[in-house]
PDB file of N, CA and C in Angstrom:
ATOM      1  N   MET A   1    -272.484  79.202 136.460  1.00  0.00           N
ATOM      2  CA  MET A   1    -271.924  80.534 136.011  1.00  0.00           C
ATOM      3  C   MET A   1    -270.678  80.501 135.368  1.00  0.00           C
ATOM      4  N   LYS A   2    -270.495  81.244 134.329  1.00  0.00           N
ATOM      5  CA  LYS A   2    -269.217  81.352 133.597  1.00  0.00           C
ATOM      6  C   LYS A   2    -268.148  82.055 134.421  1.00  0.00           C
ATOM      7  N   GLN A   3    -266.911  81.529 134.419  1.00  0.00           N
ATOM      8  CA  GLN A   3    -265.789  82.174 135.143  1.00  0.00           C
ATOM      9  C   GLN A   3    -265.414  83.300 134.238  1.00  0.00           C
ATOM     10  N   PRO A   4    -264.893  84.258 134.999  1.00  0.00           N
ATOM     11  CA  PRO A   4    -264.363  85.603 134.097  1.00  0.00           C
ATOM     12  C   PRO A   4    -263.030  85.171 133.402  1.00  0.00           C
ATOM     13  N   ASN A   5    -262.715  85.917 132.257  1.00  0.00           N
ATOM     14  CA  ASN A   5    -261.600  85.606 131.533  1.00  0.00           C
ATOM     15  C   ASN A   5    -260.365  86.136 132.385  1.00  0.00           C
ATOM     16  N   LYS A   6    -259.270  85.357 132.413  1.00  0.00           N
ATOM     17  CA  LYS A   6    -257.975  85.805 133.037  1.00  0.00           C
ATOM     18  C   LYS A   6    -256.877  85.692 132.188  1.00  0.00           C
ATOM     19  N   ALA A   7    -255.763  86.341 132.486  1.00  0.00           N
ATOM     20  CA  ALA A   7    -254.446  86.119 131.874  1.00  0.00           C
ATOM     21  C   ALA A   7    -253.496  86.262 132.892  1.00  0.00           C
ATOM     22  N   THR A   8    -252.694  85.213 133.185  1.00  0.00           N
ATOM     23  CA  THR A   8    -251.722  85.218 134.252  1.00  0.00           C
ATOM     24  C   THR A   8    -250.418  84.815 133.655  1.00  0.00           C
ATOM     25  N   VAL A   9    -249.361  85.712 133.972  1.00  0.00           N
ATOM     26  CA  VAL A   9    -248.089  85.362 133.605  1.00  0.00           C
ATOM     27  C   VAL A   9    -247.426  84.592 134.691  1.00  0.00           C
ATOM     28  N   TYR A  10    -246.593  83.411 134.142  1.00  0.00           N
ATOM     29  CA  TYR A  10    -245.937  82.567 134.988  1.00  0.00           C
ATOM     30  C   TYR A  10    -244.477  82.594 134.589  1.00  0.00           C
ATOM     31  N   LYS A  11    -243.621  83.090 135.427  1.00  0.00           N
ATOM     32  CA  LYS A  11    -242.271  83.147 135.104  1.00  0.00           C
ATOM     33  C   LYS A  11    -241.368  82.080 135.638  1.00  0.00           C
ATOM     34  N   THR A  12    -240.152  81.741 135.003  1.00  0.00           N
ATOM     35  CA  THR A  12    -239.430  80.681 135.247  1.00  0.00           C
ATOM     36  C   THR A  12    -238.936  80.727 136.781  1.00  0.00           C
ATOM     37  N   ASP A  13    -238.882  81.834 137.469  1.00  0.00           N
ATOM     38  CA  ASP A  13    -238.516  81.827 138.714  1.00  0.00           C
ATOM     39  C   ASP A  13    -239.398  81.379 139.763  1.00  0.00           C
ATOM     40  N   GLY A  14    -240.588  81.060 139.357  1.00  0.00           N
ATOM     41  CA  GLY A  14    -241.726  80.418 140.158  1.00  0.00           C
ATOM     42  C   GLY A  14    -242.726  81.570 140.592  1.00  0.00           C
ATOM     43  N   THR A  15    -242.544  82.702 140.151  1.00  0.00           N
ATOM     44  CA  THR A  15    -243.426  83.728 140.547  1.00  0.00           C
ATOM     45  C   THR A  15    -244.599  83.925 139.383  1.00  0.00           C
ATOM     46  N   SER A  16    -245.585  84.503 139.747  1.00  0.00           N
ATOM     47  CA  SER A  16    -246.609  84.885 138.760  1.00  0.00           C
ATOM     48  C   SER A  16    -247.377  86.121 139.133  1.00  0.00           C
ATOM     49  N   TYR A  17    -248.012  86.647 138.128  1.00  0.00           N
ATOM     50  CA  TYR A  17    -248.769  87.808 138.314  1.00  0.00           C
ATOM     51  C   TYR A  17    -249.967  87.806 137.309  1.00  0.00           C
ATOM     52  N   GLU A  18    -251.094  88.363 137.692  1.00  0.00           N
ATOM     53  CA  GLU A  18    -252.221  88.509 136.874  1.00  0.00           C
ATOM     54  C   GLU A  18    -252.289  89.877 136.105  1.00  0.00           C
ATOM     55  N   LEU A  19    -252.509  89.700 134.800  1.00  0.00           N
ATOM     56  CA  LEU A  19    -252.733  90.965 133.995  1.00  0.00           C
ATOM     57  C   LEU A  19    -254.166  91.436 134.234  1.00  0.00           C
ATOM     58  N   ASP A  20    -254.432  92.617 134.084  1.00  0.00           N
ATOM     59  CA  ASP A  20    -255.823  93.268 134.368  1.00  0.00           C
ATOM     60  C   ASP A  20    -256.483  93.517 132.906  1.00  0.00           C
ATOM     61  N   HIS A  21    -255.828  92.767 131.837  1.00  0.00           N
ATOM     62  CA  HIS A  21    -256.458  92.983 130.547  1.00  0.00           C
ATOM     63  C   HIS A  21    -255.997  91.776 129.769  1.00  0.00           C
ATOM     64  N   ARG A  22    -256.574  91.570 128.727  1.00  0.00           N
ATOM     65  CA  ARG A  22    -256.087  90.518 127.654  1.00  0.00           C
ATOM     66  C   ARG A  22    -254.861  91.118 126.907  1.00  0.00           C
ATOM     67  N   PRO A  23    -253.685  90.377 126.918  1.00  0.00           N
ATOM     68  CA  PRO A  23    -252.562  90.999 126.246  1.00  0.00           C
ATOM     69  C   PRO A  23    -252.668  91.078 124.778  1.00  0.00           C
ATOM     70  N   THR A  24    -252.084  92.126 124.190  1.00  0.00           N
ATOM     71  CA  THR A  24    -252.067  92.205 122.673  1.00  0.00           C
ATOM     72  C   THR A  24    -250.999  91.295 122.175  1.00  0.00           C
ATOM     73  N   LEU A  25    -250.849  91.051 120.988  1.00  0.00           N
ATOM     74  CA  LEU A  25    -249.762  90.279 120.282  1.00  0.00           C
ATOM     75  C   LEU A  25    -248.539  90.811 120.649  1.00  0.00           C
ATOM     76  N   SER A  26    -248.339  92.176 120.454  1.00  0.00           N
ATOM     77  CA  SER A  26    -246.961  92.579 120.847  1.00  0.00           C
ATOM     78  C   SER A  26    -246.556  92.530 122.257  1.00  0.00           C
ATOM     79  N   GLU A  27    -247.552  92.658 123.188  1.00  0.00           N
ATOM     80  CA  GLU A  27    -247.282  92.533 124.586  1.00  0.00           C
ATOM     81  C   GLU A  27    -246.935  91.091 124.891  1.00  0.00           C
ATOM     82  N   ALA A  28    -247.645  90.122 124.397  1.00  0.00           N
ATOM     83  CA  ALA A  28    -247.306  88.727 124.502  1.00  0.00           C
ATOM     84  C   ALA A  28    -246.030  88.306 124.077  1.00  0.00           C
ATOM     85  N   GLN A  29    -245.635  88.873 122.970  1.00  0.00           N
ATOM     86  CA  GLN A  29    -244.324  88.593 122.557  1.00  0.00           C
ATOM     87  C   GLN A  29    -243.179  89.196 123.491  1.00  0.00           C
ATOM     88  N   GLN A  30    -243.461  90.318 124.021  1.00  0.00           N
ATOM     89  CA  GLN A  30    -242.519  90.993 124.808  1.00  0.00           C
ATOM     90  C   GLN A  30    -242.520  90.092 126.153  1.00  0.00           C
ATOM     91  N   ILE A  31    -243.564  89.784 126.630  1.00  0.00           N
ATOM     92  CA  ILE A  31    -243.618  88.896 127.948  1.00  0.00           C
ATOM     93  C   ILE A  31    -242.874  87.527 127.861  1.00  0.00           C
ATOM     94  N   VAL A  32    -243.133  86.806 126.638  1.00  0.00           N
ATOM     95  CA  VAL A  32    -242.653  85.622 126.564  1.00  0.00           C
ATOM     96  C   VAL A  32    -241.116  85.721 125.836  1.00  0.00           C
ATOM     97  N   GLY A  33    -240.724  86.792 125.327  1.00  0.00           N
ATOM     98  CA  GLY A  33    -239.356  86.967 124.732  1.00  0.00           C
ATOM     99  C   GLY A  33    -239.273  86.285 123.502  1.00  0.00           C
ATOM    100  N   GLY A  34    -240.170  86.395 122.675  1.00  0.00           N
ATOM    101  CA  GLY A  34    -240.033  85.841 121.210  1.00  0.00           C
ATOM    102  C   GLY A  34    -241.344  85.648 120.460  1.00  0.00           C
ATOM    103  N   TYR A  35    -241.228  84.961 119.472  1.00  0.00           N
ATOM    104  CA  TYR A  35    -242.496  84.652 118.562  1.00  0.00           C
ATOM    105  C   TYR A  35    -243.399  83.665 119.449  1.00  0.00           C
ATOM    106  N   ILE A  36    -244.729  83.920 119.463  1.00  0.00           N
ATOM    107  CA  ILE A  36    -245.522  83.208 120.289  1.00  0.00           C
ATOM    108  C   ILE A  36    -246.077  81.941 119.694  1.00  0.00           C
ATOM    109  N   GLU A  37    -246.289  80.980 120.572  1.00  0.00           N
ATOM    110  CA  GLU A  37    -246.929  79.685 120.055  1.00  0.00           C
ATOM    111  C   GLU A  37    -248.112  79.395 121.074  1.00  0.00           C
ATOM    112  N   PHE A  38    -249.133  78.905 120.675  1.00  0.00           N
ATOM    113  CA  PHE A  38    -250.292  78.491 121.520  1.00  0.00           C
ATOM    114  C   PHE A  38    -250.137  77.142 121.948  1.00  0.00           C
ATOM    115  N   ALA A  39    -250.361  76.599 123.019  1.00  0.00           N
ATOM    116  CA  ALA A  39    -250.479  75.260 123.610  1.00  0.00           C
ATOM    117  C   ALA A  39    -251.632  75.153 124.436  1.00  0.00           C
ATOM    118  N   LYS A  40    -252.218  73.936 124.563  1.00  0.00           N
ATOM    119  CA  LYS A  40    -253.239  73.612 125.465  1.00  0.00           C
ATOM    120  C   LYS A  40    -252.728  72.882 126.605  1.00  0.00           C
ATOM    121  N   GLY A  41    -253.370  73.305 127.789  1.00  0.00           N
ATOM    122  CA  GLY A  41    -252.965  72.669 129.062  1.00  0.00           C
ATOM    123  C   GLY A  41    -254.194  72.635 129.973  1.00  0.00           C
ATOM    124  N   LYS A  42    -253.964  72.129 131.121  1.00  0.00           N
ATOM    125  CA  LYS A  42    -255.078  72.113 132.068  1.00  0.00           C
ATOM    126  C   LYS A  42    -254.676  72.645 133.442  1.00  0.00           C
ATOM    127  N   LYS A  43    -255.531  73.519 133.935  1.00  0.00           N
ATOM    128  CA  LYS A  43    -255.439  74.229 135.221  1.00  0.00           C
ATOM    129  C   LYS A  43    -256.623  74.077 136.079  1.00  0.00           C
ATOM    130  N   ASP A  44    -256.484  73.456 137.211  1.00  0.00           N
ATOM    131  CA  ASP A  44    -257.578  73.211 138.127  1.00  0.00           C
ATOM    132  C   ASP A  44    -258.605  72.487 137.372  1.00  0.00           C
ATOM    133  N   GLY A  45    -258.204  71.490 136.482  1.00  0.00           N
ATOM    134  CA  GLY A  45    -259.173  70.703 135.857  1.00  0.00           C
ATOM    135  C   GLY A  45    -259.863  71.223 134.495  1.00  0.00           C
ATOM    136  N   LYS A  46    -259.473  72.495 134.185  1.00  0.00           N
ATOM    137  CA  LYS A  46    -260.119  73.184 132.976  1.00  0.00           C
ATOM    138  C   LYS A  46    -259.021  73.340 131.954  1.00  0.00           C
ATOM    139  N   VAL A  47    -259.516  73.231 130.699  1.00  0.00           N
ATOM    140  CA  VAL A  47    -258.486  73.341 129.679  1.00  0.00           C
ATOM    141  C   VAL A  47    -258.244  74.941 129.395  1.00  0.00           C
ATOM    142  N   VAL A  48    -256.983  75.293 129.397  1.00  0.00           N
ATOM    143  CA  VAL A  48    -256.654  76.647 129.165  1.00  0.00           C
ATOM    144  C   VAL A  48    -255.556  76.643 127.996  1.00  0.00           C
ATOM    145  N   THR A  49    -255.442  77.857 127.530  1.00  0.00           N
ATOM    146  CA  THR A  49    -254.483  78.179 126.414  1.00  0.00           C
ATOM    147  C   THR A  49    -253.237  78.689 127.077  1.00  0.00           C
ATOM    148  N   ILE A  50    -252.124  78.188 126.552  1.00  0.00           N
ATOM    149  CA  ILE A  50    -250.835  78.651 127.195  1.00  0.00           C
ATOM    150  C   ILE A  50    -250.115  79.314 126.044  1.00  0.00           C
ATOM    151  N   VAL A  51    -249.603  80.550 126.307  1.00  0.00           N
ATOM    152  CA  VAL A  51    -248.805  81.197 125.313  1.00  0.00           C
ATOM    153  C   VAL A  51    -247.231  81.236 125.567  1.00  0.00           C
ATOM    154  N   VAL A  52    -246.583  80.686 124.742  1.00  0.00           N
ATOM    155  CA  VAL A  52    -245.168  80.364 125.038  1.00  0.00           C
ATOM    156  C   VAL A  52    -244.278  81.020 123.938  1.00  0.00           C
ATOM    157  N   ASP A  53    -242.920  81.113 124.071  1.00  0.00           N
ATOM    158  CA  ASP A  53    -242.039  81.431 123.067  1.00  0.00           C
ATOM    159  C   ASP A  53    -241.908  80.171 122.181  1.00  0.00           C
ATOM    160  N   GLU A  54    -242.041  80.147 120.923  1.00  0.00           N
ATOM    161  CA  GLU A  54    -242.139  79.053 120.098  1.00  0.00           C
ATOM    162  C   GLU A  54    -240.724  78.500 120.066  1.00  0.00           C
ATOM    163  N   GLU A  55    -239.608  79.245 120.330  1.00  0.00           N
ATOM    164  CA  GLU A  55    -238.214  78.796 120.308  1.00  0.00           C
ATOM    165  C   GLU A  55    -237.583  78.600 121.719  1.00  0.00           C
ATOM    166  N   GLY A  56    -238.500  78.684 122.646  1.00  0.00           N
ATOM    167  CA  GLY A  56    -237.848  78.632 124.115  1.00  0.00           C
ATOM    168  C   GLY A  56    -236.881  77.503 124.284  1.00  0.00           C
ATOM    169  N   LEU A  57    -237.241  76.247 123.943  1.00  0.00           N
ATOM    170  CA  LEU A  57    -236.219  75.368 124.175  1.00  0.00           C
ATOM    171  C   LEU A  57    -234.940  75.559 123.173  1.00  0.00           C
ATOM    172  N   MET A  58    -235.052  75.829 122.035  1.00  0.00           N
ATOM    173  CA  MET A  58    -233.880  76.155 121.110  1.00  0.00           C
ATOM    174  C   MET A  58    -233.028  77.109 121.667  1.00  0.00           C
ATOM    175  N   LYS A  59    -233.562  78.184 122.307  1.00  0.00           N
ATOM    176  CA  LYS A  59    -232.869  79.375 122.933  1.00  0.00           C
ATOM    177  C   LYS A  59    -232.212  78.989 124.391  1.00  0.00           C
ATOM    178  N   ARG A  60    -232.540  77.742 124.682  1.00  0.00           N
ATOM    179  CA  ARG A  60    -232.174  77.163 126.038  1.00  0.00           C
ATOM    180  C   ARG A  60    -232.590  78.056 127.204  1.00  0.00           C
ATOM    181  N   LYS A  61    -233.754  78.429 127.042  1.00  0.00           N
ATOM    182  CA  LYS A  61    -234.413  79.225 128.083  1.00  0.00           C
ATOM    183  C   LYS A  61    -234.555  78.382 129.494  1.00  0.00           C
ATOM    184  N   ALA A  62    -234.697  79.015 130.493  1.00  0.00           N
ATOM    185  CA  ALA A  62    -234.936  78.156 131.716  1.00  0.00           C
ATOM    186  C   ALA A  62    -236.196  77.419 131.664  1.00  0.00           C
ATOM    187  N   TYR A  63    -236.166  76.294 132.390  1.00  0.00           N
ATOM    188  CA  TYR A  63    -237.239  75.362 132.525  1.00  0.00           C
ATOM    189  C   TYR A  63    -238.365  76.178 133.314  1.00  0.00           C
ATOM    190  N   ASN A  64    -239.753  76.071 132.856  1.00  0.00           N
ATOM    191  CA  ASN A  64    -240.663  76.609 133.508  1.00  0.00           C
ATOM    192  C   ASN A  64    -241.660  75.485 134.202  1.00  0.00           C
ATOM    193  N   HIS A  65    -241.334  75.213 135.422  1.00  0.00           N
ATOM    194  CA  HIS A  65    -241.972  73.972 136.056  1.00  0.00           C
ATOM    195  C   HIS A  65    -243.508  74.273 136.185  1.00  0.00           C
ATOM    196  N   GLN A  66    -244.057  75.353 136.540  1.00  0.00           N
ATOM    197  CA  GLN A  66    -245.444  75.561 136.682  1.00  0.00           C
ATOM    198  C   GLN A  66    -246.118  75.218 135.373  1.00  0.00           C
ATOM    199  N   ILE A  67    -245.760  75.878 134.271  1.00  0.00           N
ATOM    200  CA  ILE A  67    -246.308  75.655 132.995  1.00  0.00           C
ATOM    201  C   ILE A  67    -246.205  74.291 132.493  1.00  0.00           C
ATOM    202  N   THR A  68    -245.093  73.678 132.639  1.00  0.00           N
ATOM    203  CA  THR A  68    -244.905  72.307 132.359  1.00  0.00           C
ATOM    204  C   THR A  68    -245.961  71.406 132.962  1.00  0.00           C
ATOM    205  N   VAL A  69    -246.235  71.630 134.119  1.00  0.00           N
ATOM    206  CA  VAL A  69    -247.326  70.808 134.915  1.00  0.00           C
ATOM    207  C   VAL A  69    -248.633  70.904 134.118  1.00  0.00           C
ATOM    208  N   PHE A  70    -249.035  72.175 133.909  1.00  0.00           N
ATOM    209  CA  PHE A  70    -250.175  72.571 133.271  1.00  0.00           C
ATOM    210  C   PHE A  70    -250.248  71.799 131.737  1.00  0.00           C
ATOM    211  N   TYR A  71    -249.138  71.995 131.144  1.00  0.00           N
ATOM    212  CA  TYR A  71    -249.076  71.421 129.824  1.00  0.00           C
ATOM    213  C   TYR A  71    -249.089  69.775 129.810  1.00  0.00           C
ATOM    214  N   ARG A  72    -248.411  69.181 130.620  1.00  0.00           N
ATOM    215  CA  ARG A  72    -248.454  67.722 130.721  1.00  0.00           C
ATOM    216  C   ARG A  72    -249.755  67.079 131.158  1.00  0.00           C
ATOM    217  N   ALA A  73    -250.468  67.979 131.799  1.00  0.00           N
ATOM    218  CA  ALA A  73    -251.906  67.452 132.190  1.00  0.00           C
ATOM    219  C   ALA A  73    -252.772  67.323 130.983  1.00  0.00           C
ATOM    220  N   HIS A  74    -252.489  67.880 129.829  1.00  0.00           N
ATOM    221  CA  HIS A  74    -253.224  67.856 128.742  1.00  0.00           C
ATOM    222  C   HIS A  74    -252.644  67.297 127.523  1.00  0.00           C
ATOM    223  N   ASN A  75    -251.282  67.161 127.548  1.00  0.00           N
ATOM    224  CA  ASN A  75    -250.503  66.790 126.312  1.00  0.00           C
ATOM    225  C   ASN A  75    -249.487  65.629 126.617  1.00  0.00           C
ATOM    226  N   LEU A  76    -248.710  65.334 125.665  1.00  0.00           N
ATOM    227  CA  LEU A  76    -247.728  64.271 125.781  1.00  0.00           C
ATOM    228  C   LEU A  76    -246.552  64.887 126.774  1.00  0.00           C
ATOM    229  N   ASP A  77    -245.780  63.988 127.087  1.00  0.00           N
ATOM    230  CA  ASP A  77    -244.651  64.313 127.953  1.00  0.00           C
ATOM    231  C   ASP A  77    -243.673  65.116 127.200  1.00  0.00           C
ATOM    232  N   SER A  78    -243.646  66.444 127.745  1.00  0.00           N
ATOM    233  CA  SER A  78    -242.740  67.447 127.118  1.00  0.00           C
ATOM    234  C   SER A  78    -242.423  68.458 128.315  1.00  0.00           C
ATOM    235  N   MET A  79    -241.760  69.486 127.895  1.00  0.00           N
ATOM    236  CA  MET A  79    -241.389  70.476 128.843  1.00  0.00           C
ATOM    237  C   MET A  79    -241.466  71.873 128.231  1.00  0.00           C
ATOM    238  N   ILE A  80    -241.841  72.839 128.930  1.00  0.00           N
ATOM    239  CA  ILE A  80    -241.972  74.276 128.491  1.00  0.00           C
ATOM    240  C   ILE A  80    -240.786  75.061 129.096  1.00  0.00           C
ATOM    241  N   ALA A  81    -240.080  75.821 128.260  1.00  0.00           N
ATOM    242  CA  ALA A  81    -239.044  76.791 128.650  1.00  0.00           C
ATOM    243  C   ALA A  81    -239.372  78.119 128.378  1.00  0.00           C
ATOM    244  N   GLY A  82    -239.045  78.930 129.488  1.00  0.00           N
ATOM    245  CA  GLY A  82    -239.273  80.484 129.334  1.00  0.00           C
ATOM    246  C   GLY A  82    -240.499  80.836 130.050  1.00  0.00           C
ATOM    247  N   ASP A  83    -240.705  82.119 130.160  1.00  0.00           N
ATOM    248  CA  ASP A  83    -241.942  82.683 130.732  1.00  0.00           C
ATOM    249  C   ASP A  83    -243.219  82.402 129.813  1.00  0.00           C
ATOM    250  N   ALA A  84    -244.327  82.400 130.443  1.00  0.00           N
ATOM    251  CA  ALA A  84    -245.424  81.988 129.707  1.00  0.00           C
ATOM    252  C   ALA A  84    -246.667  82.711 130.198  1.00  0.00           C
ATOM    253  N   ILE A  85    -247.712  82.844 129.328  1.00  0.00           N
ATOM    254  CA  ILE A  85    -249.029  83.360 129.825  1.00  0.00           C
ATOM    255  C   ILE A  85    -250.079  82.282 129.771  1.00  0.00           C
ATOM    256  N   VAL A  86    -250.793  82.131 130.797  1.00  0.00           N
ATOM    257  CA  VAL A  86    -251.939  81.334 130.749  1.00  0.00           C
ATOM    258  C   VAL A  86    -253.330  82.054 130.587  1.00  0.00           C
ATOM    259  N   LEU A  87    -254.048  81.777 129.412  1.00  0.00           N
ATOM    260  CA  LEU A  87    -255.292  82.375 129.083  1.00  0.00           C
ATOM    261  C   LEU A  87    -256.459  81.508 129.554  1.00  0.00           C
ATOM    262  N   GLU A  88    -257.355  82.056 130.454  1.00  0.00           N
ATOM    263  CA  GLU A  88    -258.468  81.335 130.846  1.00  0.00           C
ATOM    264  C   GLU A  88    -259.589  81.955 130.269  1.00  0.00           C
ATOM    265  N   GLY A  89    -260.381  81.277 129.399  1.00  0.00           N
ATOM    266  CA  GLY A  89    -261.578  81.996 128.809  1.00  0.00           C
ATOM    267  C   GLY A  89    -261.373  82.509 127.467  1.00  0.00           C
ATOM    268  N   TRP A  90    -260.263  82.985 127.259  1.00  0.00           N
ATOM    269  CA  TRP A  90    -259.742  83.538 125.905  1.00  0.00           C
ATOM    270  C   TRP A  90    -258.947  82.415 125.171  1.00  0.00           C
ATOM    271  N   GLN A  91    -259.195  82.400 123.804  1.00  0.00           N
ATOM    272  CA  GLN A  91    -258.497  81.579 123.035  1.00  0.00           C
ATOM    273  C   GLN A  91    -257.222  81.898 122.435  1.00  0.00           C
ATOM    274  N   THR A  92    -257.050  83.359 122.194  1.00  0.00           N
ATOM    275  CA  THR A  92    -255.896  83.812 121.715  1.00  0.00           C
ATOM    276  C   THR A  92    -255.482  85.177 122.531  1.00  0.00           C
ATOM    277  N   VAL A  93    -254.466  85.844 122.076  1.00  0.00           N
ATOM    278  CA  VAL A  93    -254.127  87.195 122.565  1.00  0.00           C
ATOM    279  C   VAL A  93    -255.094  88.202 121.786  1.00  0.00           C
ATOM    280  N   GLY A  94    -255.019  89.376 122.257  1.00  0.00           N
ATOM    281  CA  GLY A  94    -255.924  90.420 121.643  1.00  0.00           C
ATOM    282  C   GLY A  94    -255.078  90.935 120.435  1.00  0.00           C
ATOM    283  N   VAL A  95    -255.897  91.997 119.674  1.00  0.00           N
ATOM    284  CA  VAL A  95    -255.413  92.601 118.651  1.00  0.00           C
ATOM    285  C   VAL A  95    -254.639  93.795 118.955  1.00  0.00           C
ATOM    286  N   ASP A  96    -253.492  94.188 118.465  1.00  0.00           N
ATOM    287  CA  ASP A  96    -252.814  95.296 118.705  1.00  0.00           C
ATOM    288  C   ASP A  96    -253.537  96.533 118.192  1.00  0.00           C
ATOM    289  N   LYS A  97    -253.438  97.654 118.955  1.00  0.00           N
ATOM    290  CA  LYS A  97    -254.152  98.887 118.603  1.00  0.00           C
ATOM    291  C   LYS A  97    -253.219  99.813 117.906  1.00  0.00           C
TER     292      LYS A  97
END
C-alpha cells in the first residue's frame, strides 16, 4: 500500500511540525528563509526530497542536525544549515495560486 504524501518542517531548534498540505513555492521560500534548493535524503529507509535554503551555509544559518542526518544517509558527508522541509511522496513544492 502506498504511503500518503507528507510535508514536515524541521527547525534548527530540534522541533518539527507537519503541514496539512503541499507547500507552494512562495510558502517553501518563506519557511526556509531564502531561495530553495532540493536535495535527496533518506528517512526511515525511504528516499525523500529535502527543501533547504540554497544559501543556508553562506548565510551562516544554524546547523540543522535532524536534516543533516537524513541528508548524510543518502549523500556525501556534508551538513545542512537552516530550517528545512521534508517531502515524502512529492518530488517538488506545489504551484503558487
